[in-house]
């Protein structure tokens, strides 16, 4: 094999080795919480965010034509009655799973997981 071919082969192998090394020295970070987490009340149901991060604020908006509440089963939050077009915000300060419902229409229910 000619010397320049050997040198080219050695260079290519060196580059491949550098690119395919293990990630032992790299660090992984969790993605930042979505700063615009939303839940919508529409058609007598909750839709939207089901998982957020600790410290994240969730905005709940009633897009129905009747009043609804966003009420935590454990009392963590309660929007009170929201008319169509009104919103409520709550910031989650601790991790956990929070079940919620509409106190006006108890069949409307859901849960949100707060990771941290």
Protein backbone atom coordinates (compact mmCIF):
# COMPACT_ATOMS: atom_id res chain seq x y z
CA UNK A 1 0.00 0.00 0.00
CA UNK A 2 1.35 3.43 -0.83
CA UNK A 3 2.33 5.71 2.01
CA UNK A 4 -0.35 8.37 1.23
CA UNK A 5 -3.04 5.65 1.22
CA UNK A 6 -1.88 4.41 4.61
CA UNK A 7 -1.89 7.98 5.96
CA UNK A 8 -5.40 8.62 4.57
CA UNK A 9 -6.66 5.34 6.05
CA UNK A 10 -5.11 6.15 9.43
CA UNK A 11 -6.66 9.65 9.40
CA UNK A 12 -10.10 8.26 8.51
CA UNK A 13 -9.92 5.65 11.28
CA UNK A 14 -8.84 8.29 13.80
CA UNK A 15 -11.81 10.48 12.90
CA UNK A 16 -14.22 7.54 13.16
CA UNK A 17 -12.83 6.55 16.54
CA UNK A 18 -13.25 10.09 17.85
CA UNK A 19 -16.83 10.30 16.61
CA UNK A 20 -17.92 6.92 17.94
CA UNK A 21 -16.47 7.17 21.44
CA UNK A 22 -18.67 6.44 24.42
CA UNK A 23 -20.64 9.17 26.11
CA UNK A 24 -19.25 8.52 29.59
CA UNK A 25 -17.98 12.07 29.84
CA UNK A 26 -21.06 13.76 28.47
CA UNK A 27 -23.88 15.02 30.61
CA UNK A 28 -27.56 14.84 29.95
CA UNK A 29 -30.01 17.45 31.10
CA UNK A 30 -33.74 17.22 31.36
CA UNK A 31 -35.65 19.40 28.97
CA UNK A 32 -36.88 22.67 30.36
CA UNK A 33 -40.55 22.63 31.35
CA UNK A 34 -42.91 23.91 28.69
CA UNK A 35 -43.55 27.45 29.85
CA UNK A 36 -46.91 27.52 28.11
CA UNK A 37 -48.63 24.44 29.54
CA UNK A 38 -52.35 24.69 28.98
CA UNK A 39 -55.51 22.78 29.73
CA UNK A 40 -58.71 23.59 27.90
CA UNK A 41 -62.26 22.93 29.03
CA UNK A 42 -64.27 22.20 25.89
CA UNK A 43 -67.23 19.96 25.11
CA UNK A 44 -67.52 19.08 28.82
CA UNK A 45 -64.00 17.63 28.92
CA UNK A 46 -60.46 18.63 29.92
CA UNK A 47 -57.84 18.50 27.16
CA UNK A 48 -54.20 19.53 27.04
CA UNK A 49 -51.20 19.12 29.31
CA UNK A 50 -50.99 15.90 31.32
CA UNK A 51 -47.36 16.20 32.45
CA UNK A 52 -45.48 19.31 33.59
CA UNK A 53 -42.37 20.11 35.59
CA UNK A 54 -42.09 21.41 39.13
CA UNK A 55 -42.27 25.20 39.03
CA UNK A 56 -44.31 25.22 35.84
CA UNK A 57 -47.48 27.27 35.56
CA UNK A 58 -50.54 25.73 33.92
CA UNK A 59 -53.19 27.96 32.39
CA UNK A 60 -56.69 26.49 32.29
CA UNK A 61 -59.17 28.13 29.91
CA UNK A 62 -62.89 27.48 29.64
CA UNK A 63 -63.86 27.38 25.96
CA UNK A 64 -67.36 26.04 26.64
CA UNK A 65 -70.48 28.19 26.79
CA UNK A 66 -71.25 27.07 30.37
CA UNK A 67 -69.31 27.56 33.59
CA UNK A 68 -66.75 25.01 34.81
CA UNK A 69 -64.23 24.71 37.63
CA UNK A 70 -60.75 23.23 37.74
CA UNK A 71 -60.69 21.75 41.22
CA UNK A 72 -58.04 19.47 42.72
CA UNK A 73 -59.34 16.46 44.58
CA UNK A 74 -56.77 17.12 47.36
CA UNK A 75 -57.51 20.88 47.55
CA UNK A 76 -54.18 21.93 45.94
CA UNK A 77 -56.01 24.33 43.59
CA UNK A 78 -59.53 25.53 42.81
CA UNK A 79 -60.31 27.96 40.02
CA UNK A 80 -63.81 28.73 41.22
CA UNK A 81 -66.44 28.99 38.49
CA UNK A 82 -64.96 30.08 35.16
CA UNK A 83 -67.36 31.44 32.55
CA UNK A 84 -66.72 30.80 28.86
CA UNK A 85 -63.51 32.56 27.82
CA UNK A 86 -62.13 32.92 31.35
CA UNK A 87 -58.80 31.45 32.49
CA UNK A 88 -57.09 30.42 35.70
CA UNK A 89 -53.38 29.84 36.40
CA UNK A 90 -51.73 27.55 38.92
CA UNK A 91 -48.01 26.98 39.54
CA UNK A 92 -47.03 23.51 40.73
CA UNK A 93 -44.39 23.69 43.48
CA UNK A 94 -44.01 19.97 44.17
CA UNK A 95 -43.87 16.73 42.25
CA UNK A 96 -46.76 14.30 42.29
CA UNK A 97 -49.94 13.30 40.56
CA UNK A 98 -52.88 15.62 41.00
CA UNK A 99 -56.41 14.46 40.22
CA UNK A 100 -58.91 17.15 39.32
CA UNK A 101 -62.55 17.57 38.32
CA UNK A 102 -65.22 20.17 37.62
CA UNK A 103 -67.27 20.68 40.77
CA UNK A 104 -70.25 21.76 38.63
CA UNK A 105 -70.01 18.74 36.30
CA UNK A 106 -68.29 15.98 38.36
CA UNK A 107 -68.14 13.64 35.34
CA UNK A 108 -65.49 16.00 33.96
CA UNK A 109 -62.26 14.73 35.51
CA UNK A 110 -58.59 14.22 34.79
CA UNK A 111 -55.13 14.19 36.30
CA UNK A 112 -51.82 15.93 35.81
CA UNK A 113 -48.39 14.56 36.67
CA UNK A 114 -45.79 16.98 37.99
CA UNK A 115 -42.23 15.77 37.53
CA UNK A 116 -39.28 17.18 39.32
